[in-house]
Amino acid sequence: MQFIKTLFWVLLVLLLAVFSINNWNDVSITIWSDTLLDTKLPMLIIGSFILGFLPMWLLYRGSVWRNKRRIASLESRLTSQQSVVSTPASSDAEPASPLQSDPSS
């Protein structure tokens, strides 16, 4: 499985390099009416991708963190309840069986 992940990342970097080499053109972006930004096309596309990807990745990491905390809390609560149930009650009298018939009948 590690080989497939490595192969995927190598192919992705290779495709990105080929795209960058073939599209290394200057692009002028008007940010405000008097501000002009000159950049290369691959940098613009990669920057746009990162700006779109980053908030969703942070949201994903936050939900994973929250779920791990929730699972740990539930597991600790379960182990504490199991320890309470597993300790036997020390009483001399036996509890009455619910299946005993009524003595007055």
PDB file of N, CA and C in Angstrom:
ATOM      1  N   MET A   1       0.823  -1.195   0.000  1.00  0.00           N
ATOM      2  CA  MET A   1       0.000   0.000   0.000  1.00  0.00           C
ATOM      3  C   MET A   1       0.867   1.258   0.000  1.00  0.00           C
ATOM      4  N   GLN A   2       1.994   1.203   0.711  1.00  0.00           N
ATOM      5  CA  GLN A   2       2.893   2.347   0.759  1.00  0.00           C
ATOM      6  C   GLN A   2       3.440   2.647  -0.629  1.00  0.00           C
ATOM      7  N   PHE A   3       3.687   1.605  -1.426  1.00  0.00           N
ATOM      8  CA  PHE A   3       4.192   1.802  -2.783  1.00  0.00           C
ATOM      9  C   PHE A   3       3.170   2.555  -3.635  1.00  0.00           C
ATOM     10  N   ILE A   4       1.909   2.236  -3.478  1.00  0.00           N
ATOM     11  CA  ILE A   4       0.858   2.896  -4.269  1.00  0.00           C
ATOM     12  C   ILE A   4       0.753   4.372  -3.875  1.00  0.00           C
ATOM     13  N   LYS A   5       0.851   4.665  -2.578  1.00  0.00           N
ATOM     14  CA  LYS A   5       0.816   6.061  -2.149  1.00  0.00           C
ATOM     15  C   LYS A   5       2.009   6.839  -2.680  1.00  0.00           C
ATOM     16  N   THR A   6       3.185   6.229  -2.625  1.00  0.00           N
ATOM     17  CA  THR A   6       4.388   6.887  -3.127  1.00  0.00           C
ATOM     18  C   THR A   6       4.285   7.105  -4.628  1.00  0.00           C
ATOM     19  N   LEU A   7       3.797   6.114  -5.339  1.00  0.00           N
ATOM     20  CA  LEU A   7       3.625   6.237  -6.784  1.00  0.00           C
ATOM     21  C   LEU A   7       2.632   7.346  -7.128  1.00  0.00           C
ATOM     22  N   PHE A   8       1.553   7.441  -6.380  1.00  0.00           N
ATOM     23  CA  PHE A   8       0.571   8.503  -6.605  1.00  0.00           C
ATOM     24  C   PHE A   8       1.199   9.877  -6.436  1.00  0.00           C
ATOM     25  N   TRP A   9       1.957  10.085  -5.348  1.00  0.00           N
ATOM     26  CA  TRP A   9       2.559  11.390  -5.097  1.00  0.00           C
ATOM     27  C   TRP A   9       3.636  11.726  -6.125  1.00  0.00           C
ATOM     28  N   VAL A  10       4.400  10.723  -6.559  1.00  0.00           N
ATOM     29  CA  VAL A  10       5.418  10.968  -7.590  1.00  0.00           C
ATOM     30  C   VAL A  10       4.747  11.373  -8.896  1.00  0.00           C
ATOM     31  N   LEU A  11       3.673  10.680  -9.270  1.00  0.00           N
ATOM     32  CA  LEU A  11       2.952  11.034 -10.501  1.00  0.00           C
ATOM     33  C   LEU A  11       2.315  12.421 -10.393  1.00  0.00           C
ATOM     34  N   LEU A  12       1.805  12.753  -9.247  1.00  0.00           N
ATOM     35  CA  LEU A  12       1.202  14.072  -9.059  1.00  0.00           C
ATOM     36  C   LEU A  12       2.242  15.180  -9.192  1.00  0.00           C
ATOM     37  N   VAL A  13       3.391  14.995  -8.587  1.00  0.00           N
ATOM     38  CA  VAL A  13       4.458  15.994  -8.687  1.00  0.00           C
ATOM     39  C   VAL A  13       4.962  16.081 -10.123  1.00  0.00           C
ATOM     40  N   LEU A  14       5.078  14.955 -10.790  1.00  0.00           N
ATOM     41  CA  LEU A  14       5.523  14.948 -12.181  1.00  0.00           C
ATOM     42  C   LEU A  14       4.536  15.685 -13.086  1.00  0.00           C
ATOM     43  N   LEU A  15       3.250  15.436 -12.908  1.00  0.00           N
ATOM     44  CA  LEU A  15       2.234  16.140 -13.695  1.00  0.00           C
ATOM     45  C   LEU A  15       2.241  17.639 -13.401  1.00  0.00           C
ATOM     46  N   LEU A  16       2.429  17.999 -12.158  1.00  0.00           N
ATOM     47  CA  LEU A  16       2.498  19.413 -11.782  1.00  0.00           C
ATOM     48  C   LEU A  16       3.717  20.086 -12.410  1.00  0.00           C
ATOM     49  N   ALA A  17       4.847  19.388 -12.438  1.00  0.00           N
ATOM     50  CA  ALA A  17       6.056  19.942 -13.056  1.00  0.00           C
ATOM     51  C   ALA A  17       5.883  20.126 -14.557  1.00  0.00           C
ATOM     52  N   VAL A  18       5.285  19.150 -15.220  1.00  0.00           N
ATOM     53  CA  VAL A  18       5.048  19.256 -16.664  1.00  0.00           C
ATOM     54  C   VAL A  18       4.080  20.392 -16.963  1.00  0.00           C
ATOM     55  N   PHE A  19       3.029  20.515 -16.164  1.00  0.00           N
ATOM     56  CA  PHE A  19       2.082  21.610 -16.351  1.00  0.00           C
ATOM     57  C   PHE A  19       2.762  22.955 -16.150  1.00  0.00           C
ATOM     58  N   SER A  20       3.596  23.055 -15.118  1.00  0.00           N
ATOM     59  CA  SER A  20       4.275  24.324 -14.827  1.00  0.00           C
ATOM     60  C   SER A  20       5.236  24.713 -15.942  1.00  0.00           C
ATOM     61  N   ILE A  21       5.964  23.755 -16.469  1.00  0.00           N
ATOM     62  CA  ILE A  21       6.913  24.047 -17.544  1.00  0.00           C
ATOM     63  C   ILE A  21       6.190  24.499 -18.805  1.00  0.00           C
ATOM     64  N   ASN A  22       5.087  23.852 -19.136  1.00  0.00           N
ATOM     65  CA  ASN A  22       4.362  24.186 -20.371  1.00  0.00           C
ATOM     66  C   ASN A  22       3.566  25.487 -20.262  1.00  0.00           C
ATOM     67  N   ASN A  23       3.268  25.943 -19.051  1.00  0.00           N
ATOM     68  CA  ASN A  23       2.438  27.135 -18.883  1.00  0.00           C
ATOM     69  C   ASN A  23       3.148  28.240 -18.105  1.00  0.00           C
ATOM     70  N   TRP A  24       4.447  28.375 -18.265  1.00  0.00           N
ATOM     71  CA  TRP A  24       5.204  29.372 -17.530  1.00  0.00           C
ATOM     72  C   TRP A  24       5.058  30.722 -18.214  1.00  0.00           C
ATOM     73  N   ASN A  25       3.883  31.315 -18.109  1.00  0.00           N
ATOM     74  CA  ASN A  25       3.575  32.600 -18.738  1.00  0.00           C
ATOM     75  C   ASN A  25       3.282  33.633 -17.661  1.00  0.00           C
ATOM     76  N   ASP A  26       3.562  34.896 -17.983  1.00  0.00           N
ATOM     77  CA  ASP A  26       3.219  35.970 -17.063  1.00  0.00           C
ATOM     78  C   ASP A  26       1.726  36.264 -17.134  1.00  0.00           C
ATOM     79  N   VAL A  27       1.148  36.507 -15.978  1.00  0.00           N
ATOM     80  CA  VAL A  27      -0.270  36.839 -15.883  1.00  0.00           C
ATOM     81  C   VAL A  27      -0.377  38.096 -15.036  1.00  0.00           C
ATOM     82  N   SER A  28      -1.160  39.064 -15.485  1.00  0.00           N
ATOM     83  CA  SER A  28      -1.399  40.294 -14.724  1.00  0.00           C
ATOM     84  C   SER A  28      -2.786  40.232 -14.114  1.00  0.00           C
ATOM     85  N   ILE A  29      -2.848  40.436 -12.808  1.00  0.00           N
ATOM     86  CA  ILE A  29      -4.119  40.384 -12.077  1.00  0.00           C
ATOM     87  C   ILE A  29      -4.357  41.759 -11.479  1.00  0.00           C
ATOM     88  N   THR A  30      -5.528  42.331 -11.739  1.00  0.00           N
ATOM     89  CA  THR A  30      -5.908  43.603 -11.133  1.00  0.00           C
ATOM     90  C   THR A  30      -6.614  43.301  -9.819  1.00  0.00           C
ATOM     91  N   ILE A  31      -5.957  43.614  -8.709  1.00  0.00           N
ATOM     92  CA  ILE A  31      -6.537  43.340  -7.397  1.00  0.00           C
ATOM     93  C   ILE A  31      -7.523  44.448  -7.038  1.00  0.00           C
ATOM     94  N   TRP A  32      -7.081  45.705  -7.075  1.00  0.00           N
ATOM     95  CA  TRP A  32      -7.936  46.864  -6.917  1.00  0.00           C
ATOM     96  C   TRP A  32      -7.727  47.719  -8.162  1.00  0.00           C
ATOM     97  N   SER A  33      -8.373  48.834  -8.240  1.00  0.00           N
ATOM     98  CA  SER A  33      -8.285  49.643  -9.451  1.00  0.00           C
ATOM     99  C   SER A  33      -6.861  50.126  -9.739  1.00  0.00           C
ATOM    100  N   ASP A  34      -6.050  50.320  -8.710  1.00  0.00           N
ATOM    101  CA  ASP A  34      -4.703  50.821  -8.945  1.00  0.00           C
ATOM    102  C   ASP A  34      -3.612  49.807  -8.600  1.00  0.00           C
ATOM    103  N   THR A  35      -3.971  48.617  -8.140  1.00  0.00           N
ATOM    104  CA  THR A  35      -2.996  47.601  -7.758  1.00  0.00           C
ATOM    105  C   THR A  35      -2.990  46.488  -8.795  1.00  0.00           C
ATOM    106  N   LEU A  36      -1.825  46.242  -9.358  1.00  0.00           N
ATOM    107  CA  LEU A  36      -1.656  45.220 -10.376  1.00  0.00           C
ATOM    108  C   LEU A  36      -0.632  44.205  -9.887  1.00  0.00           C
ATOM    109  N   LEU A  37      -0.964  42.921  -9.968  1.00  0.00           N
ATOM    110  CA  LEU A  37      -0.079  41.861  -9.515  1.00  0.00           C
ATOM    111  C   LEU A  37       0.375  41.066 -10.732  1.00  0.00           C
ATOM    112  N   ASP A  38       1.679  40.983 -10.949  1.00  0.00           N
ATOM    113  CA  ASP A  38       2.242  40.180 -12.032  1.00  0.00           C
ATOM    114  C   ASP A  38       2.804  38.901 -11.433  1.00  0.00           C
ATOM    115  N   THR A  39       2.325  37.774 -11.923  1.00  0.00           N
ATOM    116  CA  THR A  39       2.773  36.481 -11.418  1.00  0.00           C
ATOM    117  C   THR A  39       2.780  35.477 -12.563  1.00  0.00           C
ATOM    118  N   LYS A  40       3.334  34.319 -12.315  1.00  0.00           N
ATOM    119  CA  LYS A  40       3.332  33.243 -13.294  1.00  0.00           C
ATOM    120  C   LYS A  40       2.044  32.433 -13.143  1.00  0.00           C
ATOM    121  N   LEU A  41       1.562  31.902 -14.252  1.00  0.00           N
ATOM    122  CA  LEU A  41       0.296  31.163 -14.248  1.00  0.00           C
ATOM    123  C   LEU A  41       0.304  29.963 -13.304  1.00  0.00           C
ATOM    124  N   PRO A  42       1.338  29.110 -13.284  1.00  0.00           N
ATOM    125  CA  PRO A  42       1.302  27.974 -12.339  1.00  0.00           C
ATOM    126  C   PRO A  42       1.238  28.411 -10.879  1.00  0.00           C
ATOM    127  N   MET A  43       1.915  29.508 -10.545  1.00  0.00           N
ATOM    128  CA  MET A  43       1.854  29.989  -9.152  1.00  0.00           C
ATOM    129  C   MET A  43       0.444  30.446  -8.808  1.00  0.00           C
ATOM    130  N   LEU A  44      -0.242  31.060  -9.737  1.00  0.00           N
ATOM    131  CA  LEU A  44      -1.620  31.499  -9.517  1.00  0.00           C
ATOM    132  C   LEU A  44      -2.543  30.307  -9.303  1.00  0.00           C
ATOM    133  N   ILE A  45      -2.393  29.287 -10.122  1.00  0.00           N
ATOM    134  CA  ILE A  45      -3.260  28.113 -10.013  1.00  0.00           C
ATOM    135  C   ILE A  45      -2.971  27.341  -8.730  1.00  0.00           C
ATOM    136  N   ILE A  46      -1.699  27.146  -8.408  1.00  0.00           N
ATOM    137  CA  ILE A  46      -1.348  26.425  -7.180  1.00  0.00           C
ATOM    138  C   ILE A  46      -1.799  27.212  -5.951  1.00  0.00           C
ATOM    139  N   GLY A  47      -1.621  28.524  -5.963  1.00  0.00           N
ATOM    140  CA  GLY A  47      -2.081  29.351  -4.849  1.00  0.00           C
ATOM    141  C   GLY A  47      -3.587  29.300  -4.677  1.00  0.00           C
ATOM    142  N   SER A  48      -4.315  29.314  -5.791  1.00  0.00           N
ATOM    143  CA  SER A  48      -5.783  29.220  -5.708  1.00  0.00           C
ATOM    144  C   SER A  48      -6.215  27.870  -5.152  1.00  0.00           C
ATOM    145  N   PHE A  49      -5.525  26.822  -5.572  1.00  0.00           N
ATOM    146  CA  PHE A  49      -5.845  25.486  -5.065  1.00  0.00           C
ATOM    147  C   PHE A  49      -5.612  25.409  -3.561  1.00  0.00           C
ATOM    148  N   ILE A  50      -4.486  25.947  -3.106  1.00  0.00           N
ATOM    149  CA  ILE A  50      -4.178  25.903  -1.672  1.00  0.00           C
ATOM    150  C   ILE A  50      -5.182  26.734  -0.873  1.00  0.00           C
ATOM    151  N   LEU A  51      -5.553  27.900  -1.386  1.00  0.00           N
ATOM    152  CA  LEU A  51      -6.539  28.725  -0.684  1.00  0.00           C
ATOM    153  C   LEU A  51      -7.902  28.053  -0.592  1.00  0.00           C
ATOM    154  N   GLY A  52      -8.266  27.245  -1.575  1.00  0.00           N
ATOM    155  CA  GLY A  52      -9.528  26.519  -1.515  1.00  0.00           C
ATOM    156  C   GLY A  52      -9.439  25.250  -0.692  1.00  0.00           C
ATOM    157  N   PHE A  53      -8.271  24.621  -0.695  1.00  0.00           N
ATOM    158  CA  PHE A  53      -8.090  23.344  -0.019  1.00  0.00           C
ATOM    159  C   PHE A  53      -7.894  23.508   1.488  1.00  0.00           C
ATOM    160  N   LEU A  54      -7.207  24.538   1.893  1.00  0.00           N
ATOM    161  CA  LEU A  54      -6.832  24.726   3.292  1.00  0.00           C
ATOM    162  C   LEU A  54      -8.025  24.806   4.256  1.00  0.00           C
ATOM    163  N   PRO A  55      -9.074  25.584   3.979  1.00  0.00           N
ATOM    164  CA  PRO A  55     -10.200  25.617   4.934  1.00  0.00           C
ATOM    165  C   PRO A  55     -10.890  24.257   5.094  1.00  0.00           C
ATOM    166  N   MET A  56     -11.045  23.522   3.996  1.00  0.00           N
ATOM    167  CA  MET A  56     -11.694  22.215   4.101  1.00  0.00           C
ATOM    168  C   MET A  56     -10.808  21.214   4.839  1.00  0.00           C
ATOM    169  N   TRP A  57      -9.504  21.300   4.646  1.00  0.00           N
ATOM    170  CA  TRP A  57      -8.590  20.415   5.350  1.00  0.00           C
ATOM    171  C   TRP A  57      -8.611  20.717   6.844  1.00  0.00           C
ATOM    172  N   LEU A  58      -8.632  22.001   7.201  1.00  0.00           N
ATOM    173  CA  LEU A  58      -8.704  22.377   8.611  1.00  0.00           C
ATOM    174  C   LEU A  58     -10.020  21.919   9.241  1.00  0.00           C
ATOM    175  N   LEU A  59     -11.111  22.013   8.503  1.00  0.00           N
ATOM    176  CA  LEU A  59     -12.397  21.536   8.998  1.00  0.00           C
ATOM    177  C   LEU A  59     -12.362  20.020   9.217  1.00  0.00           C
ATOM    178  N   TYR A  60     -11.763  19.299   8.289  1.00  0.00           N
ATOM    179  CA  TYR A  60     -11.626  17.848   8.402  1.00  0.00           C
ATOM    180  C   TYR A  60     -10.792  17.487   9.629  1.00  0.00           C
ATOM    181  N   ARG A  61      -9.632  18.141   9.802  1.00  0.00           N
ATOM    182  CA  ARG A  61      -8.769  17.838  10.932  1.00  0.00           C
ATOM    183  C   ARG A  61      -9.468  18.167  12.258  1.00  0.00           C
ATOM    184  N   GLY A  62     -10.249  19.248  12.265  1.00  0.00           N
ATOM    185  CA  GLY A  62     -11.001  19.596  13.474  1.00  0.00           C
ATOM    186  C   GLY A  62     -12.048  18.557  13.819  1.00  0.00           C
ATOM    187  N   SER A  63     -12.747  18.037  12.824  1.00  0.00           N
ATOM    188  CA  SER A  63     -13.764  17.020  13.094  1.00  0.00           C
ATOM    189  C   SER A  63     -13.124  15.709  13.531  1.00  0.00           C
ATOM    190  N   VAL A  64     -11.972  15.351  12.963  1.00  0.00           N
ATOM    191  CA  VAL A  64     -11.268  14.140  13.401  1.00  0.00           C
ATOM    192  C   VAL A  64     -10.832  14.298  14.853  1.00  0.00           C
ATOM    193  N   TRP A  65     -10.293  15.453  15.206  1.00  0.00           N
ATOM    194  CA  TRP A  65      -9.861  15.710  16.579  1.00  0.00           C
ATOM    195  C   TRP A  65     -11.037  15.628  17.542  1.00  0.00           C
ATOM    196  N   ARG A  66     -12.163  16.247  17.161  1.00  0.00           N
ATOM    197  CA  ARG A  66     -13.346  16.239  18.023  1.00  0.00           C
ATOM    198  C   ARG A  66     -13.877  14.815  18.200  1.00  0.00           C
ATOM    199  N   ASN A  67     -13.891  14.025  17.106  1.00  0.00           N
ATOM    200  CA  ASN A  67     -14.383  12.648  17.209  1.00  0.00           C
ATOM    201  C   ASN A  67     -13.457  11.780  18.048  1.00  0.00           C
ATOM    202  N   LYS A  68     -12.149  11.981  17.946  1.00  0.00           N
ATOM    203  CA  LYS A  68     -11.221  11.212  18.787  1.00  0.00           C
ATOM    204  C   LYS A  68     -11.431  11.529  20.256  1.00  0.00           C
ATOM    205  N   ARG A  69     -11.639  12.803  20.561  1.00  0.00           N
ATOM    206  CA  ARG A  69     -11.904  13.181  21.957  1.00  0.00           C
ATOM    207  C   ARG A  69     -13.206  12.564  22.444  1.00  0.00           C
ATOM    208  N   ARG A  70     -14.232  12.572  21.603  1.00  0.00           N
ATOM    209  CA  ARG A  70     -15.526  12.001  21.981  1.00  0.00           C
ATOM    210  C   ARG A  70     -15.401  10.495  22.217  1.00  0.00           C
ATOM    211  N   ILE A  71     -14.677   9.807  21.337  1.00  0.00           N
ATOM    212  CA  ILE A  71     -14.495   8.366  21.485  1.00  0.00           C
ATOM    213  C   ILE A  71     -13.720   8.055  22.758  1.00  0.00           C
ATOM    214  N   ALA A  72     -12.665   8.816  23.034  1.00  0.00           N
ATOM    215  CA  ALA A  72     -11.886   8.590  24.256  1.00  0.00           C
ATOM    216  C   ALA A  72     -12.745   8.814  25.492  1.00  0.00           C
ATOM    217  N   SER A  73     -13.593   9.831  25.460  1.00  0.00           N
ATOM    218  CA  SER A  73     -14.476  10.101  26.594  1.00  0.00           C
ATOM    219  C   SER A  73     -15.472   8.958  26.791  1.00  0.00           C
ATOM    220  N   LEU A  74     -16.049   8.477  25.710  1.00  0.00           N
ATOM    221  CA  LEU A  74     -17.016   7.384  25.811  1.00  0.00           C
ATOM    222  C   LEU A  74     -16.346   6.093  26.269  1.00  0.00           C
ATOM    223  N   GLU A  75     -15.123   5.838  25.794  1.00  0.00           N
ATOM    224  CA  GLU A  75     -14.417   4.636  26.228  1.00  0.00           C
ATOM    225  C   GLU A  75     -14.065   4.701  27.704  1.00  0.00           C
ATOM    226  N   SER A  76     -13.651   5.865  28.174  1.00  0.00           N
ATOM    227  CA  SER A  76     -13.327   5.974  29.610  1.00  0.00           C
ATOM    228  C   SER A  76     -14.587   5.819  30.456  1.00  0.00           C
ATOM    229  N   ARG A  77     -15.697   6.356  29.991  1.00  0.00           N
ATOM    230  CA  ARG A  77     -16.949   6.194  30.720  1.00  0.00           C
ATOM    231  C   ARG A  77     -17.381   4.728  30.737  1.00  0.00           C
ATOM    232  N   LEU A  78     -17.178   4.028  29.618  1.00  0.00           N
ATOM    233  CA  LEU A  78     -17.537   2.616  29.535  1.00  0.00           C
ATOM    234  C   LEU A  78     -16.684   1.780  30.477  1.00  0.00           C
ATOM    235  N   THR A  79     -15.383   2.038  30.518  1.00  0.00           N
ATOM    236  CA  THR A  79     -14.522   1.265  31.415  1.00  0.00           C
ATOM    237  C   THR A  79     -14.858   1.550  32.879  1.00  0.00           C
ATOM    238  N   SER A  80     -15.225   2.782  33.213  1.00  0.00           N
ATOM    239  CA  SER A  80     -15.598   3.073  34.599  1.00  0.00           C
ATOM    240  C   SER A  80     -16.914   2.389  34.957  1.00  0.00           C
ATOM    241  N   GLN A  81     -17.846   2.311  34.031  1.00  0.00           N
ATOM    242  CA  GLN A  81     -19.107   1.618  34.294  1.00  0.00           C
ATOM    243  C   GLN A  81     -18.900   0.115  34.388  1.00  0.00           C
ATOM    244  N   GLN A  82     -17.999  -0.425  33.579  1.00  0.00           N
ATOM    245  CA  GLN A  82     -17.729  -1.859  33.648  1.00  0.00           C
ATOM    246  C   GLN A  82     -17.059  -2.227  34.956  1.00  0.00           C
ATOM    247  N   SER A  83     -16.206  -1.342  35.469  1.00  0.00           N
ATOM    248  CA  SER A  83     -15.554  -1.640  36.746  1.00  0.00           C
ATOM    249  C   SER A  83     -16.566  -1.599  37.886  1.00  0.00           C
ATOM    250  N   VAL A  84     -17.561  -0.738  37.800  1.00  0.00           N
ATOM    251  CA  VAL A  84     -18.603  -0.680  38.832  1.00  0.00           C
ATOM    252  C   VAL A  84     -19.461  -1.924  38.761  1.00  0.00           C
ATOM    253  N   VAL A  85     -19.806  -2.380  37.576  1.00  0.00           N
ATOM    254  CA  VAL A  85     -20.656  -3.556  37.419  1.00  0.00           C
ATOM    255  C   VAL A  85     -19.899  -4.819  37.792  1.00  0.00           C
ATOM    256  N   SER A  86     -18.612  -4.885  37.510  1.00  0.00           N
ATOM    257  CA  SER A  86     -17.857  -6.107  37.761  1.00  0.00           C
ATOM    258  C   SER A  86     -17.560  -6.332  39.233  1.00  0.00           C
ATOM    259  N   THR A  87     -17.644  -5.319  40.086  1.00  0.00           N
ATOM    260  CA  THR A  87     -17.425  -5.525  41.518  1.00  0.00           C
ATOM    261  C   THR A  87     -18.708  -6.087  42.119  1.00  0.00           C
ATOM    262  N   PRO A  88     -18.636  -7.294  42.729  1.00  0.00           N
ATOM    263  CA  PRO A  88     -19.860  -7.912  43.283  1.00  0.00           C
ATOM    264  C   PRO A  88     -20.315  -7.205  44.556  1.00  0.00           C
ATOM    265  N   ALA A  89     -21.605  -7.221  44.754  1.00  0.00           N
ATOM    266  CA  ALA A  89     -22.179  -6.623  45.962  1.00  0.00           C
ATOM    267  C   ALA A  89     -21.974  -7.597  47.107  1.00  0.00           C
ATOM    268  N   SER A  90     -21.495  -7.112  48.203  1.00  0.00           N
ATOM    269  CA  SER A  90     -21.233  -7.993  49.355  1.00  0.00           C
ATOM    270  C   SER A  90     -22.424  -7.912  50.310  1.00  0.00           C
ATOM    271  N   SER A  91     -23.374  -8.823  50.128  1.00  0.00           N
ATOM    272  CA  SER A  91     -24.518  -8.888  51.044  1.00  0.00           C
ATOM    273  C   SER A  91     -24.749 -10.358  51.396  1.00  0.00           C
ATOM    274  N   ASP A  92     -25.228 -10.613  52.595  1.00  0.00           N
ATOM    275  CA  ASP A  92     -25.432 -11.983  53.060  1.00  0.00           C
ATOM    276  C   ASP A  92     -26.740 -12.565  52.529  1.00  0.00           C
ATOM    277  N   ALA A  93     -27.737 -11.736  52.336  1.00  0.00           N
ATOM    278  CA  ALA A  93     -29.035 -12.221  51.890  1.00  0.00           C
ATOM    279  C   ALA A  93     -29.038 -12.360  50.376  1.00  0.00           C
ATOM    280  N   GLU A  94     -29.660 -13.436  49.939  1.00  0.00           N
ATOM    281  CA  GLU A  94     -29.787 -13.632  48.498  1.00  0.00           C
ATOM    282  C   GLU A  94     -31.003 -12.865  48.006  1.00  0.00           C
ATOM    283  N   PRO A  95     -30.903 -12.261  46.833  1.00  0.00           N
ATOM    284  CA  PRO A  95     -32.075 -11.547  46.318  1.00  0.00           C
ATOM    285  C   PRO A  95     -33.163 -12.533  45.924  1.00  0.00           C
ATOM    286  N   ALA A  96     -34.371 -12.094  46.055  1.00  0.00           N
ATOM    287  CA  ALA A  96     -35.507 -12.948  45.736  1.00  0.00           C
ATOM    288  C   ALA A  96     -35.591 -13.130  44.234  1.00  0.00           C
ATOM    289  N   SER A  97     -35.937 -14.325  43.844  1.00  0.00           N
ATOM    290  CA  SER A  97     -36.063 -14.630  42.427  1.00  0.00           C
ATOM    291  C   SER A  97     -37.359 -14.024  41.910  1.00  0.00           C
ATOM    292  N   PRO A  98     -37.337 -13.360  40.755  1.00  0.00           N
ATOM    293  CA  PRO A  98     -38.572 -12.778  40.244  1.00  0.00           C
ATOM    294  C   PRO A  98     -39.574 -13.816  39.756  1.00  0.00           C
ATOM    295  N   LEU A  99     -39.160 -15.076  39.659  1.00  0.00           N
ATOM    296  CA  LEU A  99     -40.044 -16.113  39.155  1.00  0.00           C
ATOM    297  C   LEU A  99     -40.801 -16.845  40.259  1.00  0.00           C
ATOM    298  N   GLN A 100     -40.578 -16.489  41.513  1.00  0.00           N
ATOM    299  CA  GLN A 100     -41.305 -17.145  42.599  1.00  0.00           C
ATOM    300  C   GLN A 100     -42.771 -16.777  42.551  1.00  0.00           C
ATOM    301  N   SER A 101     -43.579 -17.741  42.844  1.00  0.00           N
ATOM    302  CA  SER A 101     -45.028 -17.477  42.815  1.00  0.00           C
ATOM    303  C   SER A 101     -45.429 -16.758  44.096  1.00  0.00           C
ATOM    304  N   ASP A 102     -46.573 -16.156  44.013  1.00  0.00           N
ATOM    305  CA  ASP A 102     -47.102 -15.407  45.145  1.00  0.00           C
ATOM    306  C   ASP A 102     -47.537 -16.393  46.234  1.00  0.00           C
ATOM    307  N   PRO A 103     -47.036 -16.255  47.475  1.00  0.00           N
ATOM    308  CA  PRO A 103     -47.392 -17.247  48.529  1.00  0.00           C
ATOM    309  C   PRO A 103     -48.854 -17.203  48.930  1.00  0.00           C
ATOM    310  N   SER A 104     -49.568 -16.133  48.696  1.00  0.00           N
ATOM    311  CA  SER A 104     -50.967 -16.052  49.103  1.00  0.00           C
ATOM    312  C   SER A 104     -51.907 -16.784  48.147  1.00  0.00           C
ATOM    313  N   SER A 105     -51.426 -17.247  46.980  1.00  0.00           N
ATOM    314  CA  SER A 105     -52.333 -17.938  46.081  1.00  0.00           C
ATOM    315  C   SER A 105     -52.455 -19.389  46.357  1.00  0.00           C
TER     316      SER A 105
END
